[in-house]
Protein backbone atom coordinates (compact mmCIF):
# COMPACT_ATOMS: atom_id res chain seq x y z
CA ASN A 1 -2.07 -27.56 92.82
CA VAL A 2 1.54 -28.63 93.07
CA SER A 3 4.73 -26.74 93.72
CA ILE A 4 8.05 -27.63 92.15
CA MET A 5 11.27 -26.71 93.87
CA ARG A 6 14.38 -26.12 91.76
CA ARG A 7 17.45 -25.04 93.61
CA ASP A 8 16.17 -22.18 95.77
CA SER A 9 13.08 -21.32 93.73
CA VAL A 10 9.55 -22.66 94.09
CA PHE A 11 7.27 -22.76 91.04
CA PRO A 12 3.52 -23.27 91.45
CA LEU A 13 1.99 -25.66 88.94
CA SER A 14 -1.67 -26.36 88.24
CA ILE A 15 -2.65 -29.87 87.25
CA GLN A 16 -5.93 -30.53 85.52
CA ARG A 17 -7.45 -33.98 85.65
CA GLY A 18 -8.78 -35.29 82.37
CA SER A 19 -10.00 -38.48 80.84
CA ILE A 20 -7.92 -40.59 78.50
CA ALA A 21 -9.73 -42.53 75.82
CA THR A 22 -8.38 -46.07 75.62
CA PRO A 23 -9.24 -47.94 72.44
CA THR A 24 -10.92 -51.28 73.08
CA VAL A 25 -10.48 -52.64 69.54
CA SER A 26 -6.72 -52.76 69.15
CA LEU A 27 -6.30 -54.56 65.82
CA SER A 28 -8.27 -55.06 62.65
CA TYR A 29 -6.80 -56.32 59.40
CA MET A 30 -7.32 -58.73 56.53
CA VAL A 31 -5.73 -62.14 57.09
CA ASP A 32 -6.20 -63.01 53.42
CA ALA A 33 -8.49 -61.94 50.58
CA SER A 34 -11.70 -62.91 52.40
CA VAL A 35 -10.90 -63.31 56.12
CA GLY A 36 -10.83 -60.36 58.47
CA TYR A 37 -9.43 -60.28 62.00
CA ILE A 38 -10.55 -58.03 64.87
CA GLN A 39 -8.95 -58.04 68.31
CA VAL A 40 -10.98 -56.69 71.24
CA ASP A 41 -8.77 -56.03 74.28
CA MET A 42 -11.51 -54.99 76.69
CA PHE A 43 -15.11 -53.87 76.71
CA GLY A 44 -16.07 -50.28 77.31
CA ALA A 45 -18.60 -47.60 76.51
CA TYR A 46 -17.44 -47.25 72.88
CA THR A 47 -16.60 -50.86 72.00
CA HIS A 48 -19.70 -51.22 69.83
CA GLU A 49 -18.80 -48.17 67.74
CA GLU A 50 -15.15 -49.21 67.40
CA PHE A 51 -16.14 -52.76 66.45
CA SER A 52 -18.68 -51.52 63.90
CA ARG A 53 -16.11 -49.21 62.28
CA ALA A 54 -13.61 -52.08 62.08
CA ILE A 55 -16.20 -54.36 60.44
CA GLU A 56 -17.12 -51.68 57.89
CA LYS A 57 -13.46 -51.12 57.03
CA LEU A 58 -12.86 -54.84 56.56
CA GLN A 59 -16.02 -55.31 54.49
CA GLN A 60 -14.82 -52.56 52.16
CA GLN A 61 -11.66 -54.63 51.70
CA GLY A 62 -13.66 -57.73 50.71
CA MET A 63 -14.16 -59.51 54.04
CA THR A 64 -16.73 -62.31 53.96
CA LYS A 65 -15.47 -64.21 57.03
CA LEU A 66 -14.37 -62.83 60.38
CA ILE A 67 -12.13 -63.95 63.24
CA VAL A 68 -12.93 -62.17 66.51
CA ASP A 69 -10.21 -62.38 69.15
CA LEU A 70 -11.58 -61.61 72.61
């Protein structure tokens, strides 16, 4: 718990710790009609799922070749 002092008043404040999900696949787009691009910034617990979703999205757009930026 934290207290905030403003002028002559003190206000108690509760802070709750939480987790922040940080995406590991930051970019995925079509470079041209057949080439897709995926940028992986870091590896984490959900990188595989994020990467798989990006590949599926690009394949739906006609990707037959892929550039992976690690």
